[in-house]
Amino acid sequence: MSKIRNLRDRLRGGELENYEKAFDSVEHFAIFDALRKININENYIQILENIYKNATARIHIDNLRSEPFPINRGVRQGDPISPKLFAAAIEEIFKKSELSNGINIDGEILTNLRFADDVALLTESTSLMEEQLNTLNTKSKEVGLKMHKRRTKFMTNHENDDTIQIENASIEKVQKYKYLGMKDLTKEEVDIRIRAGWSCFGRNREIFLDKNMPLSLKKQVYDQCILSTMTYGCQTWTLTKIIGNKLKVAQRAMERKILGIKIKDKIPCKKYDNKHTSKMWCCLMKDKSGTGQVTLQGCRTTGGQKEPRSGNPGSASDQEADNLCDGATVSRK
């Protein structure tokens, strides 16, 4: 991704393009043709065709209801397979467009970046961009998709008076663009992600602060819920040392709350690792003077021997500690 972020040093033209009501407009035949092109089992395709060809809808206003009418285009809203069907149709459009003028990355030509119906086209000149955009527009219209001209913008990395037109309509040139729901404002976006992480932490407080909850379960919830929330869209971030430290501070604060550790306990955090966040939890709680067993706050140490409370599943074996910590050790000071 660092190479992609550095494209602006070489990029001459970049188009950020969006389709109008794309999921509601794509023709059914285009979906099924695309599935056959990628060798999907014909039985599955026929099942999908039967589902779609019998689909009907009604318009309900107050107490009035229209007669049923067939739905001949668009994918089903809320159906888990719909994004995949749409992606297959879009992929076929790009194959037919045969885009070849892009940016050379390690010998490979990068012509576009796609996320559902949000598309970024990349070229080395605005003239090539206009050519590729019109080609893509023509192929898209063949399957019922229409470009959203008002939301389609272009930008360059040099000052000029270049213009791009599509169907005799001029495309606006901009200096920045909100792509995939966020602007290129990494600091502000990281702040939003941190707040979202704390919000997610709050929703799972009962798990994280329960002294009788197994450490392994807390680890899984943290990795799957908190980290995924805080790092959403991180592939597009341009991290600085300051921003990286903000993420580390938030991470450590959450881990201290989970472990019941306070800053005044002076437990070192030098070995915290963002890539293996929860690996350090067990290490922090390992008693070096006793049996080496890992304990949560529900256990107490007496004379070098650990005495877990009755029925407390909050302790973990030394084997679990090794599995989670990969042999790392952090001792109390």
C-alpha atoms as a PDB file:
ATOM      1  CA  MET A   1       0.000   0.000   0.000  1.00  0.00           C
ATOM      2  CA  SER A   2       2.925   2.361   0.517  1.00  0.00           C
ATOM      3  CA  LYS A   3       3.615   2.076  -3.210  1.00  0.00           C
ATOM      4  CA  ILE A   4       0.028   2.993  -3.978  1.00  0.00           C
ATOM      5  CA  ARG A   5       0.215   6.015  -1.680  1.00  0.00           C
ATOM      6  CA  ASN A   6       3.313   7.155  -3.545  1.00  0.00           C
ATOM      7  CA  LEU A   7       1.573   7.049  -6.924  1.00  0.00           C
ATOM      8  CA  ARG A   8       0.881  10.755  -6.662  1.00  0.00           C
ATOM      9  CA  ASP A   9       4.584  11.347  -7.369  1.00  0.00           C
ATOM     10  CA  ARG A  10       4.093   9.877 -10.842  1.00  0.00           C
ATOM     11  CA  LEU A  11       0.384  10.225 -11.467  1.00  0.00           C
ATOM     12  CA  ARG A  12      -0.751  12.630 -14.185  1.00  0.00           C
ATOM     13  CA  GLY A  13      -4.455  11.873 -14.109  1.00  0.00           C
ATOM     14  CA  GLY A  14      -6.731  10.222 -11.576  1.00  0.00           C
ATOM     15  CA  GLU A  15     -10.484   9.740 -11.913  1.00  0.00           C
ATOM     16  CA  LEU A  16     -12.769   8.934  -8.988  1.00  0.00           C
ATOM     17  CA  GLU A  17     -15.952   7.567 -10.473  1.00  0.00           C
ATOM     18  CA  ASN A  18     -19.280   6.424  -9.053  1.00  0.00           C
ATOM     19  CA  TYR A  19     -22.317   4.696 -10.554  1.00  0.00           C
ATOM     20  CA  GLU A  20     -25.898   5.881 -10.082  1.00  0.00           C
ATOM     21  CA  LYS A  21     -27.938   3.395  -8.046  1.00  0.00           C
ATOM     22  CA  ALA A  22     -25.605   0.666  -9.219  1.00  0.00           C
ATOM     23  CA  PHE A  23     -27.015  -2.205  -7.152  1.00  0.00           C
ATOM     24  CA  ASP A  24     -30.535  -1.384  -8.378  1.00  0.00           C
ATOM     25  CA  SER A  25     -29.626  -0.946 -12.045  1.00  0.00           C
ATOM     26  CA  VAL A  26     -27.390  -3.790 -13.192  1.00  0.00           C
ATOM     27  CA  GLU A  27     -29.143  -6.061 -15.696  1.00  0.00           C
ATOM     28  CA  HIS A  28     -29.755  -9.654 -14.631  1.00  0.00           C
ATOM     29  CA  PHE A  29     -28.397 -11.102 -17.871  1.00  0.00           C
ATOM     30  CA  ALA A  30     -25.078  -9.335 -17.209  1.00  0.00           C
ATOM     31  CA  ILE A  31     -24.807 -11.003 -13.802  1.00  0.00           C
ATOM     32  CA  PHE A  32     -25.437 -14.517 -15.094  1.00  0.00           C
ATOM     33  CA  ASP A  33     -23.199 -14.047 -18.139  1.00  0.00           C
ATOM     34  CA  ALA A  34     -20.401 -12.916 -15.823  1.00  0.00           C
ATOM     35  CA  LEU A  35     -20.871 -15.978 -13.601  1.00  0.00           C
ATOM     36  CA  ARG A  36     -20.579 -18.263 -16.615  1.00  0.00           C
ATOM     37  CA  LYS A  37     -17.432 -16.472 -17.748  1.00  0.00           C
ATOM     38  CA  ILE A  38     -15.746 -17.343 -14.444  1.00  0.00           C
ATOM     39  CA  ASN A  39     -16.918 -20.986 -14.650  1.00  0.00           C
ATOM     40  CA  ILE A  40     -19.423 -21.021 -11.803  1.00  0.00           C
ATOM     41  CA  ASN A  41     -21.291 -24.339 -11.661  1.00  0.00           C
ATOM     42  CA  GLU A  42     -24.295 -24.156 -14.005  1.00  0.00           C
ATOM     43  CA  ASN A  43     -26.601 -25.657 -11.360  1.00  0.00           C
ATOM     44  CA  TYR A  44     -25.911 -22.716  -9.049  1.00  0.00           C
ATOM     45  CA  ILE A  45     -26.464 -20.236 -11.861  1.00  0.00           C
ATOM     46  CA  GLN A  46     -29.823 -21.804 -12.723  1.00  0.00           C
ATOM     47  CA  ILE A  47     -30.910 -21.604  -9.087  1.00  0.00           C
ATOM     48  CA  LEU A  48     -30.069 -17.899  -9.033  1.00  0.00           C
ATOM     49  CA  GLU A  49     -31.836 -17.356 -12.351  1.00  0.00           C
ATOM     50  CA  ASN A  50     -34.994 -19.006 -11.000  1.00  0.00           C
ATOM     51  CA  ILE A  51     -34.888 -16.807  -7.911  1.00  0.00           C
ATOM     52  CA  TYR A  52     -34.461 -13.618  -9.901  1.00  0.00           C
ATOM     53  CA  LYS A  53     -36.855 -14.318 -12.783  1.00  0.00           C
ATOM     54  CA  ASN A  54     -39.783 -14.902 -10.397  1.00  0.00           C
ATOM     55  CA  ALA A  55     -39.112 -11.828  -8.275  1.00  0.00           C
ATOM     56  CA  THR A  56     -41.940  -9.272  -8.045  1.00  0.00           C
ATOM     57  CA  ALA A  57     -42.625  -6.127  -6.081  1.00  0.00           C
ATOM     58  CA  ARG A  58     -45.510  -3.867  -5.114  1.00  0.00           C
ATOM     59  CA  ILE A  59     -45.734  -0.187  -4.285  1.00  0.00           C
ATOM     60  CA  HIS A  60     -47.567   0.457  -1.024  1.00  0.00           C
ATOM     61  CA  ILE A  61     -48.705   4.029  -0.242  1.00  0.00           C
ATOM     62  CA  ASP A  62     -51.001   4.565   2.750  1.00  0.00           C
ATOM     63  CA  ASN A  63     -53.806   2.054   2.205  1.00  0.00           C
ATOM     64  CA  LEU A  64     -53.238   1.714  -1.523  1.00  0.00           C
ATOM     65  CA  ARG A  65     -51.217  -1.118  -3.002  1.00  0.00           C
ATOM     66  CA  SER A  66     -50.274  -1.601  -6.628  1.00  0.00           C
ATOM     67  CA  GLU A  67     -50.479  -4.779  -8.633  1.00  0.00           C
ATOM     68  CA  PRO A  68     -47.340  -6.956  -8.547  1.00  0.00           C
ATOM     69  CA  PHE A  69     -44.784  -6.153 -11.221  1.00  0.00           C
ATOM     70  CA  PRO A  70     -41.623  -8.069 -12.174  1.00  0.00           C
ATOM     71  CA  ILE A  71     -38.151  -6.918 -11.163  1.00  0.00           C
ATOM     72  CA  ASN A  72     -35.930  -7.184 -14.223  1.00  0.00           C
ATOM     73  CA  ARG A  73     -32.780  -5.531 -12.968  1.00  0.00           C
ATOM     74  CA  GLY A  74     -30.759  -4.983  -9.812  1.00  0.00           C
ATOM     75  CA  VAL A  75     -29.598  -7.353  -7.093  1.00  0.00           C
ATOM     76  CA  ARG A  76     -31.661  -8.248  -4.039  1.00  0.00           C
ATOM     77  CA  GLN A  77     -31.150  -5.852  -1.146  1.00  0.00           C
ATOM     78  CA  GLY A  78     -29.930  -7.509   2.049  1.00  0.00           C
ATOM     79  CA  ASP A  79     -29.046 -10.789   0.346  1.00  0.00           C
ATOM     80  CA  PRO A  80     -25.513 -11.880   1.414  1.00  0.00           C
ATOM     81  CA  ILE A  81     -24.681 -13.041  -2.108  1.00  0.00           C
ATOM     82  CA  SER A  82     -25.701  -9.754  -3.772  1.00  0.00           C
ATOM     83  CA  PRO A  83     -22.305  -7.986  -3.382  1.00  0.00           C
ATOM     84  CA  LYS A  84     -20.563 -10.979  -4.976  1.00  0.00           C
ATOM     85  CA  LEU A  85     -22.989 -11.030  -7.907  1.00  0.00           C
ATOM     86  CA  PHE A  86     -22.500  -7.318  -8.457  1.00  0.00           C
ATOM     87  CA  ALA A  87     -18.713  -7.666  -8.217  1.00  0.00           C
ATOM     88  CA  ALA A  88     -18.781 -10.394 -10.879  1.00  0.00           C
ATOM     89  CA  ALA A  89     -20.738  -8.116 -13.237  1.00  0.00           C
ATOM     90  CA  ILE A  90     -18.367  -5.182 -12.625  1.00  0.00           C
ATOM     91  CA  GLU A  91     -15.331  -7.393 -13.221  1.00  0.00           C
ATOM     92  CA  GLU A  92     -16.714  -8.413 -16.611  1.00  0.00           C
ATOM     93  CA  ILE A  93     -17.282  -4.748 -17.537  1.00  0.00           C
ATOM     94  CA  PHE A  94     -13.636  -3.944 -16.844  1.00  0.00           C
ATOM     95  CA  LYS A  95     -12.448  -6.964 -18.808  1.00  0.00           C
ATOM     96  CA  LYS A  96     -14.468  -5.839 -21.828  1.00  0.00           C
ATOM     97  CA  SER A  97     -13.184  -2.268 -21.437  1.00  0.00           C
ATOM     98  CA  GLU A  98      -9.605  -3.567 -21.816  1.00  0.00           C
ATOM     99  CA  LEU A  99      -8.058  -0.738 -19.816  1.00  0.00           C
ATOM    100  CA  SER A 100      -4.311  -0.785 -20.418  1.00  0.00           C
ATOM    101  CA  ASN A 101      -3.066   2.746 -19.738  1.00  0.00           C
ATOM    102  CA  GLY A 102      -2.251   2.882 -16.062  1.00  0.00           C
ATOM    103  CA  ILE A 103       0.676   3.234 -13.670  1.00  0.00           C
ATOM    104  CA  ASN A 104       3.621   0.833 -13.792  1.00  0.00           C
ATOM    105  CA  ILE A 105       4.188  -0.812 -10.401  1.00  0.00           C
ATOM    106  CA  ASP A 106       7.072  -3.308 -10.383  1.00  0.00           C
ATOM    107  CA  GLY A 107       6.382  -4.252 -13.985  1.00  0.00           C
ATOM    108  CA  GLU A 108       2.611  -4.533 -13.564  1.00  0.00           C
ATOM    109  CA  ILE A 109       0.168  -1.935 -14.878  1.00  0.00           C
ATOM    110  CA  LEU A 110      -2.274  -0.661 -12.257  1.00  0.00           C
ATOM    111  CA  THR A 111      -5.252   0.831 -14.097  1.00  0.00           C
ATOM    112  CA  ASN A 112      -7.897   1.030 -11.394  1.00  0.00           C
ATOM    113  CA  LEU A 113      -8.865   0.490  -7.774  1.00  0.00           C
ATOM    114  CA  ARG A 114     -12.384  -0.775  -7.089  1.00  0.00           C
ATOM    115  CA  PHE A 115     -14.593  -1.176  -4.044  1.00  0.00           C
ATOM    116  CA  ALA A 116     -18.147  -2.184  -5.021  1.00  0.00           C
ATOM    117  CA  ASP A 117     -19.421   0.679  -7.211  1.00  0.00           C
ATOM    118  CA  ASP A 118     -16.691   3.136  -6.166  1.00  0.00           C
ATOM    119  CA  VAL A 119     -13.940   3.158  -8.789  1.00  0.00           C
ATOM    120  CA  ALA A 120     -10.637   5.036  -9.053  1.00  0.00           C
ATOM    121  CA  LEU A 121      -9.052   5.099 -12.518  1.00  0.00           C
ATOM    122  CA  LEU A 122      -5.320   5.811 -12.843  1.00  0.00           C
ATOM    123  CA  THR A 123      -3.451   7.047 -15.920  1.00  0.00           C
ATOM    124  CA  GLU A 124      -0.362   9.075 -16.755  1.00  0.00           C
ATOM    125  CA  SER A 125      -2.275  11.793 -18.649  1.00  0.00           C
ATOM    126  CA  THR A 126      -5.701  13.400 -18.654  1.00  0.00           C
ATOM    127  CA  SER A 127      -6.179  12.609 -22.351  1.00  0.00           C
ATOM    128  CA  LEU A 128      -5.761   8.907 -21.646  1.00  0.00           C
ATOM    129  CA  MET A 129      -8.078   9.288 -18.683  1.00  0.00           C
ATOM    130  CA  GLU A 130     -10.821  10.769 -20.845  1.00  0.00           C
ATOM    131  CA  GLU A 131     -10.420   7.958 -23.371  1.00  0.00           C
ATOM    132  CA  GLN A 132     -10.607   5.219 -20.743  1.00  0.00           C
ATOM    133  CA  LEU A 133     -13.482   6.858 -18.908  1.00  0.00           C
ATOM    134  CA  ASN A 134     -15.613   7.038 -22.047  1.00  0.00           C
ATOM    135  CA  THR A 135     -14.797   3.432 -22.916  1.00  0.00           C
ATOM    136  CA  LEU A 136     -15.810   2.316 -19.444  1.00  0.00           C
ATOM    137  CA  ASN A 137     -18.983   4.399 -19.637  1.00  0.00           C
ATOM    138  CA  THR A 138     -19.986   2.746 -22.934  1.00  0.00           C
ATOM    139  CA  LYS A 139     -19.451  -0.781 -21.596  1.00  0.00           C
ATOM    140  CA  SER A 140     -21.275   0.068 -18.371  1.00  0.00           C
ATOM    141  CA  LYS A 141     -24.358   1.347 -20.189  1.00  0.00           C
ATOM    142  CA  GLU A 142     -24.616  -1.964 -22.041  1.00  0.00           C
ATOM    143  CA  VAL A 143     -25.493  -3.685 -18.755  1.00  0.00           C
ATOM    144  CA  GLY A 144     -27.709  -0.956 -17.327  1.00  0.00           C
ATOM    145  CA  LEU A 145     -25.157   0.990 -15.283  1.00  0.00           C
ATOM    146  CA  LYS A 146     -24.930   4.753 -15.537  1.00  0.00           C
ATOM    147  CA  MET A 147     -22.074   6.880 -14.262  1.00  0.00           C
ATOM    148  CA  HIS A 148     -22.969   9.447 -11.634  1.00  0.00           C
ATOM    149  CA  LYS A 149     -21.514  12.519 -13.340  1.00  0.00           C
ATOM    150  CA  ARG A 150     -22.081  14.824 -10.381  1.00  0.00           C
ATOM    151  CA  ARG A 151     -20.077  12.554  -8.071  1.00  0.00           C
ATOM    152  CA  THR A 152     -17.394  11.713 -10.623  1.00  0.00           C
ATOM    153  CA  LYS A 153     -14.303  13.929 -10.190  1.00  0.00           C
ATOM    154  CA  PHE A 154     -10.722  13.977 -11.390  1.00  0.00           C
ATOM    155  CA  MET A 155      -7.461  15.262  -9.969  1.00  0.00           C
ATOM    156  CA  THR A 156      -3.866  15.600 -11.143  1.00  0.00           C
ATOM    157  CA  ASN A 157      -0.516  16.117  -9.451  1.00  0.00           C
ATOM    158  CA  HIS A 158       0.402  19.145 -11.526  1.00  0.00           C
ATOM    159  CA  GLU A 159      -1.175  22.507 -12.305  1.00  0.00           C
ATOM    160  CA  ASN A 160      -2.783  22.767 -15.716  1.00  0.00           C
ATOM    161  CA  ASP A 161      -6.018  23.660 -17.460  1.00  0.00           C
ATOM    162  CA  ASP A 162      -6.805  20.122 -18.584  1.00  0.00           C
ATOM    163  CA  THR A 163     -10.451  19.137 -18.839  1.00  0.00           C
ATOM    164  CA  ILE A 164     -12.226  15.802 -19.096  1.00  0.00           C
ATOM    165  CA  GLN A 165     -15.591  15.297 -20.738  1.00  0.00           C
ATOM    166  CA  ILE A 166     -17.963  12.382 -20.791  1.00  0.00           C
ATOM    167  CA  GLU A 167     -20.985  12.507 -23.110  1.00  0.00           C
ATOM    168  CA  ASN A 168     -20.376  16.243 -23.634  1.00  0.00           C
ATOM    169  CA  ALA A 169     -20.507  16.876 -19.889  1.00  0.00           C
ATOM    170  CA  SER A 170     -17.435  18.296 -18.145  1.00  0.00           C
ATOM    171  CA  ILE A 171     -16.050  16.465 -15.127  1.00  0.00           C
ATOM    172  CA  GLU A 172     -15.051  18.687 -12.226  1.00  0.00           C
ATOM    173  CA  LYS A 173     -11.375  18.908 -11.297  1.00  0.00           C
ATOM    174  CA  VAL A 174     -10.744  18.815  -7.535  1.00  0.00           C
ATOM    175  CA  GLN A 175      -7.813  18.977  -5.110  1.00  0.00           C
ATOM    176  CA  LYS A 176      -9.244  16.395  -2.695  1.00  0.00           C
ATOM    177  CA  TYR A 177     -12.008  13.835  -2.743  1.00  0.00           C
ATOM    178  CA  LYS A 178     -13.927  11.769  -0.221  1.00  0.00           C
ATOM    179  CA  TYR A 179     -13.278   8.176  -1.300  1.00  0.00           C
ATOM    180  CA  LEU A 180     -14.799   5.097   0.396  1.00  0.00           C
ATOM    181  CA  GLY A 181     -16.527   7.333   2.909  1.00  0.00           C
ATOM    182  CA  MET A 182     -13.516   9.297   4.129  1.00  0.00           C
ATOM    183  CA  LYS A 183     -11.269  12.120   3.034  1.00  0.00           C
ATOM    184  CA  ASP A 184      -7.489  11.930   2.882  1.00  0.00           C
ATOM    185  CA  LEU A 185      -7.191  13.273   6.406  1.00  0.00           C
ATOM    186  CA  THR A 186      -5.341  10.562   8.275  1.00  0.00           C
ATOM    187  CA  LYS A 187      -5.098  12.335  11.636  1.00  0.00           C
ATOM    188  CA  GLU A 188      -8.817  13.058  11.790  1.00  0.00           C
ATOM    189  CA  GLU A 189      -9.659   9.557  10.580  1.00  0.00           C
ATOM    190  CA  VAL A 190      -7.429   7.940  13.233  1.00  0.00           C
ATOM    191  CA  ASP A 191      -9.144  10.029  15.926  1.00  0.00           C
ATOM    192  CA  ILE A 192     -12.494   8.745  14.669  1.00  0.00           C
ATOM    193  CA  ARG A 193     -11.208   5.161  14.696  1.00  0.00           C
ATOM    194  CA  ILE A 194      -9.918   5.510  18.266  1.00  0.00           C
ATOM    195  CA  ARG A 195     -13.269   6.871  19.451  1.00  0.00           C
ATOM    196  CA  ALA A 196     -15.013   4.017  17.659  1.00  0.00           C
ATOM    197  CA  GLY A 197     -12.660   1.573  19.377  1.00  0.00           C
ATOM    198  CA  TRP A 198     -13.495   2.942  22.813  1.00  0.00           C
ATOM    199  CA  SER A 199     -17.188   2.825  21.955  1.00  0.00           C
ATOM    200  CA  CYS A 200     -16.824  -0.837  21.017  1.00  0.00           C
ATOM    201  CA  PHE A 201     -14.861  -1.407  24.223  1.00  0.00           C
ATOM    202  CA  GLY A 202     -17.742   0.077  26.205  1.00  0.00           C
ATOM    203  CA  ARG A 203     -20.240  -2.233  24.564  1.00  0.00           C
ATOM    204  CA  ASN A 204     -18.119  -5.212  25.638  1.00  0.00           C
ATOM    205  CA  ARG A 205     -17.253  -4.009  29.154  1.00  0.00           C
ATOM    206  CA  GLU A 206     -19.018  -6.948  30.780  1.00  0.00           C
ATOM    207  CA  ILE A 207     -16.631  -9.324  29.042  1.00  0.00           C
ATOM    208  CA  PHE A 208     -13.426  -7.324  29.446  1.00  0.00           C
ATOM    209  CA  LEU A 209     -13.920  -6.424  33.121  1.00  0.00           C
ATOM    210  CA  ASP A 210     -15.291  -9.775  34.284  1.00  0.00           C
ATOM    211  CA  LYS A 211     -12.618 -11.288  36.531  1.00  0.00           C
ATOM    212  CA  ASN A 212     -14.047 -14.766  35.982  1.00  0.00           C
ATOM    213  CA  MET A 213     -13.906 -14.573  32.193  1.00  0.00           C
ATOM    214  CA  PRO A 214     -11.144 -16.689  30.582  1.00  0.00           C
ATOM    215  CA  LEU A 215      -8.224 -14.665  29.303  1.00  0.00           C
ATOM    216  CA  SER A 216      -8.303 -16.473  25.969  1.00  0.00           C
ATOM    217  CA  LEU A 217     -11.881 -15.298  25.375  1.00  0.00           C
ATOM    218  CA  LYS A 218     -10.976 -11.691  26.178  1.00  0.00           C
ATOM    219  CA  LYS A 219      -8.103 -11.965  23.721  1.00  0.00           C
ATOM    220  CA  GLN A 220     -10.408 -13.156  20.955  1.00  0.00           C
ATOM    221  CA  VAL A 221     -13.011 -10.464  21.595  1.00  0.00           C
ATOM    222  CA  TYR A 222     -10.325  -7.778  21.622  1.00  0.00           C
ATOM    223  CA  ASP A 223      -8.721  -8.957  18.379  1.00  0.00           C
ATOM    224  CA  GLN A 224     -11.981  -9.540  16.528  1.00  0.00           C
ATOM    225  CA  CYS A 225     -13.992  -6.552  17.762  1.00  0.00           C
ATOM    226  CA  ILE A 226     -11.714  -3.770  18.991  1.00  0.00           C
ATOM    227  CA  LEU A 227      -8.781  -4.123  16.588  1.00  0.00           C
ATOM    228  CA  SER A 228     -11.011  -4.568  13.548  1.00  0.00           C
ATOM    229  CA  THR A 229     -12.896  -1.402  14.502  1.00  0.00           C
ATOM    230  CA  MET A 230      -9.800   0.699  15.171  1.00  0.00           C
ATOM    231  CA  THR A 231      -7.959  -0.387  12.022  1.00  0.00           C
ATOM    232  CA  TYR A 232     -10.866  -0.112   9.566  1.00  0.00           C
ATOM    233  CA  GLY A 233      -9.550   1.501   6.387  1.00  0.00           C
ATOM    234  CA  CYS A 234      -5.967   1.535   7.682  1.00  0.00           C
ATOM    235  CA  GLN A 235      -4.668   0.498   4.243  1.00  0.00           C
ATOM    236  CA  THR A 236      -5.289   4.068   3.090  1.00  0.00           C
ATOM    237  CA  TRP A 237      -3.585   5.772   6.046  1.00  0.00           C
ATOM    238  CA  THR A 238      -0.258   7.553   5.805  1.00  0.00           C
ATOM    239  CA  LEU A 239       1.043   6.988   9.311  1.00  0.00           C
ATOM    240  CA  THR A 240       3.426   9.328  11.085  1.00  0.00           C
ATOM    241  CA  LYS A 241       5.210   8.632  14.346  1.00  0.00           C
ATOM    242  CA  ILE A 242       2.801  10.899  16.217  1.00  0.00           C
ATOM    243  CA  ILE A 243      -0.275   9.150  14.817  1.00  0.00           C
ATOM    244  CA  GLY A 244       1.260   5.738  15.478  1.00  0.00           C
ATOM    245  CA  ASN A 245       1.870   6.698  19.111  1.00  0.00           C
ATOM    246  CA  LYS A 246      -1.766   7.792  19.488  1.00  0.00           C
ATOM    247  CA  LEU A 247      -2.881   4.325  18.449  1.00  0.00           C
ATOM    248  CA  LYS A 248      -0.412   2.693  20.842  1.00  0.00           C
ATOM    249  CA  VAL A 249      -1.578   4.855  23.749  1.00  0.00           C
ATOM    250  CA  ALA A 250      -5.208   3.896  23.126  1.00  0.00           C
ATOM    251  CA  GLN A 251      -4.276   0.235  22.780  1.00  0.00           C
ATOM    252  CA  ARG A 252      -2.286   0.160  26.018  1.00  0.00           C
ATOM    253  CA  ALA A 253      -5.008   1.994  27.925  1.00  0.00           C
ATOM    254  CA  MET A 254      -7.544  -0.640  26.884  1.00  0.00           C
ATOM    255  CA  GLU A 255      -5.219  -3.490  27.800  1.00  0.00           C
ATOM    256  CA  ARG A 256      -4.543  -1.985  31.239  1.00  0.00           C
ATOM    257  CA  LYS A 257      -8.286  -1.797  31.884  1.00  0.00           C
ATOM    258  CA  ILE A 258      -8.752  -5.401  30.813  1.00  0.00           C
ATOM    259  CA  LEU A 259      -5.919  -6.582  33.076  1.00  0.00           C
ATOM    260  CA  GLY A 260      -6.860  -4.331  35.983  1.00  0.00           C
ATOM    261  CA  ILE A 261      -3.435  -2.664  35.835  1.00  0.00           C
ATOM    262  CA  LYS A 262      -2.870   0.980  36.689  1.00  0.00           C
ATOM    263  CA  ILE A 263      -0.112   3.241  35.417  1.00  0.00           C
ATOM    264  CA  LYS A 264       1.246   3.588  38.949  1.00  0.00           C
ATOM    265  CA  ASP A 265       1.964  -0.164  38.952  1.00  0.00           C
ATOM    266  CA  LYS A 266       4.900   0.735  36.663  1.00  0.00           C
ATOM    267  CA  ILE A 267       4.635  -2.342  34.471  1.00  0.00           C
ATOM    268  CA  PRO A 268       6.828  -1.688  31.391  1.00  0.00           C
ATOM    269  CA  CYS A 269       5.214  -1.524  27.972  1.00  0.00           C
ATOM    270  CA  LYS A 270       8.399  -1.575  25.897  1.00  0.00           C
ATOM    271  CA  LYS A 271       7.540  -4.903  24.326  1.00  0.00           C
ATOM    272  CA  TYR A 272       3.985  -4.061  23.296  1.00  0.00           C
ATOM    273  CA  ASP A 273       3.539  -4.939  19.629  1.00  0.00           C
ATOM    274  CA  ASN A 274       0.614  -3.743  17.531  1.00  0.00           C
ATOM    275  CA  LYS A 275       0.839  -6.806  15.295  1.00  0.00           C
ATOM    276  CA  HIS A 276       0.486  -9.202  18.224  1.00  0.00           C
ATOM    277  CA  THR A 277      -1.433  -6.996  20.634  1.00  0.00           C
ATOM    278  CA  SER A 278      -2.841  -9.594  22.970  1.00  0.00           C
ATOM    279  CA  LYS A 279       0.338 -11.694  23.139  1.00  0.00           C
ATOM    280  CA  MET A 280       1.646  -9.532  25.947  1.00  0.00           C
ATOM    281  CA  TRP A 281      -1.374  -9.921  28.213  1.00  0.00           C
ATOM    282  CA  CYS A 282      -0.334 -13.257  29.678  1.00  0.00           C
ATOM    283  CA  CYS A 283       3.255 -12.150  30.018  1.00  0.00           C
ATOM    284  CA  LEU A 284       2.266  -9.152  32.117  1.00  0.00           C
ATOM    285  CA  MET A 285       0.349 -11.375  34.490  1.00  0.00           C
ATOM    286  CA  LYS A 286       2.959 -14.152  34.784  1.00  0.00           C
ATOM    287  CA  ASP A 287       4.251 -14.589  38.347  1.00  0.00           C
ATOM    288  CA  LYS A 288       7.998 -15.141  38.098  1.00  0.00           C
ATOM    289  CA  SER A 289       8.330 -16.067  41.777  1.00  0.00           C
ATOM    290  CA  GLY A 290       5.759 -18.851  41.772  1.00  0.00           C
ATOM    291  CA  THR A 291       4.810 -21.695  39.531  1.00  0.00           C
ATOM    292  CA  GLY A 292       4.790 -19.606  36.405  1.00  0.00           C
ATOM    293  CA  GLN A 293       1.011 -19.916  36.130  1.00  0.00           C
ATOM    294  CA  VAL A 294      -0.891 -17.127  34.446  1.00  0.00           C
ATOM    295  CA  THR A 295      -3.592 -15.483  36.532  1.00  0.00           C
ATOM    296  CA  LEU A 296      -6.209 -12.804  36.186  1.00  0.00           C
ATOM    297  CA  GLN A 297      -7.320 -10.572  39.014  1.00  0.00           C
ATOM    298  CA  GLY A 298      -9.474 -13.384  40.364  1.00  0.00           C
ATOM    299  CA  CYS A 299      -6.371 -15.223  41.656  1.00  0.00           C
ATOM    300  CA  ARG A 300      -4.082 -14.349  44.511  1.00  0.00           C
ATOM    301  CA  THR A 301      -0.519 -15.351  45.339  1.00  0.00           C
ATOM    302  CA  THR A 302       0.485 -16.673  48.744  1.00  0.00           C
ATOM    303  CA  GLY A 303       4.048 -17.625  49.619  1.00  0.00           C
ATOM    304  CA  GLY A 304       5.063 -18.177  46.020  1.00  0.00           C
ATOM    305  CA  GLN A 305       2.100 -20.527  45.399  1.00  0.00           C
ATOM    306  CA  LYS A 306      -1.001 -19.456  43.485  1.00  0.00           C
ATOM    307  CA  GLU A 307      -4.375 -20.109  45.065  1.00  0.00           C
ATOM    308  CA  PRO A 308      -7.157 -19.453  42.576  1.00  0.00           C
ATOM    309  CA  ARG A 309     -10.572 -18.685  43.972  1.00  0.00           C
ATOM    310  CA  SER A 310     -12.994 -21.575  44.043  1.00  0.00           C
ATOM    311  CA  GLY A 311     -14.663 -22.145  40.694  1.00  0.00           C
ATOM    312  CA  ASN A 312     -12.691 -19.353  39.080  1.00  0.00           C
ATOM    313  CA  PRO A 313     -11.958 -20.130  35.421  1.00  0.00           C
ATOM    314  CA  GLY A 314      -9.907 -16.974  35.108  1.00  0.00           C
ATOM    315  CA  SER A 315      -6.583 -18.748  35.467  1.00  0.00           C
ATOM    316  CA  ALA A 316      -4.724 -20.136  32.513  1.00  0.00           C
ATOM    317  CA  SER A 317      -2.101 -22.811  32.286  1.00  0.00           C
ATOM    318  CA  ASP A 318       1.526 -22.121  31.526  1.00  0.00           C
ATOM    319  CA  GLN A 319       0.972 -23.845  28.178  1.00  0.00           C
ATOM    320  CA  GLU A 320      -1.738 -21.311  27.335  1.00  0.00           C
ATOM    321  CA  ALA A 321       0.640 -18.531  28.292  1.00  0.00           C
ATOM    322  CA  ASP A 322       3.282 -19.904  25.951  1.00  0.00           C
ATOM    323  CA  ASN A 323       0.765 -20.219  23.135  1.00  0.00           C
ATOM    324  CA  LEU A 324      -0.434 -16.657  23.563  1.00  0.00           C
ATOM    325  CA  CYS A 325       2.909 -15.068  24.303  1.00  0.00           C
ATOM    326  CA  ASP A 326       5.152 -16.983  21.904  1.00  0.00           C
ATOM    327  CA  GLY A 327       7.791 -17.219  24.618  1.00  0.00           C
ATOM    328  CA  ALA A 328       7.976 -13.469  25.287  1.00  0.00           C
ATOM    329  CA  THR A 329       8.494 -12.437  28.899  1.00  0.00           C
ATOM    330  CA  VAL A 330       7.726  -9.216  30.705  1.00  0.00           C
ATOM    331  CA  SER A 331       8.320  -9.106  34.446  1.00  0.00           C
ATOM    332  CA  ARG A 332       6.827  -6.787  37.024  1.00  0.00           C
ATOM    333  CA  LYS A 333       8.999  -4.013  38.416  1.00  0.00           C
END
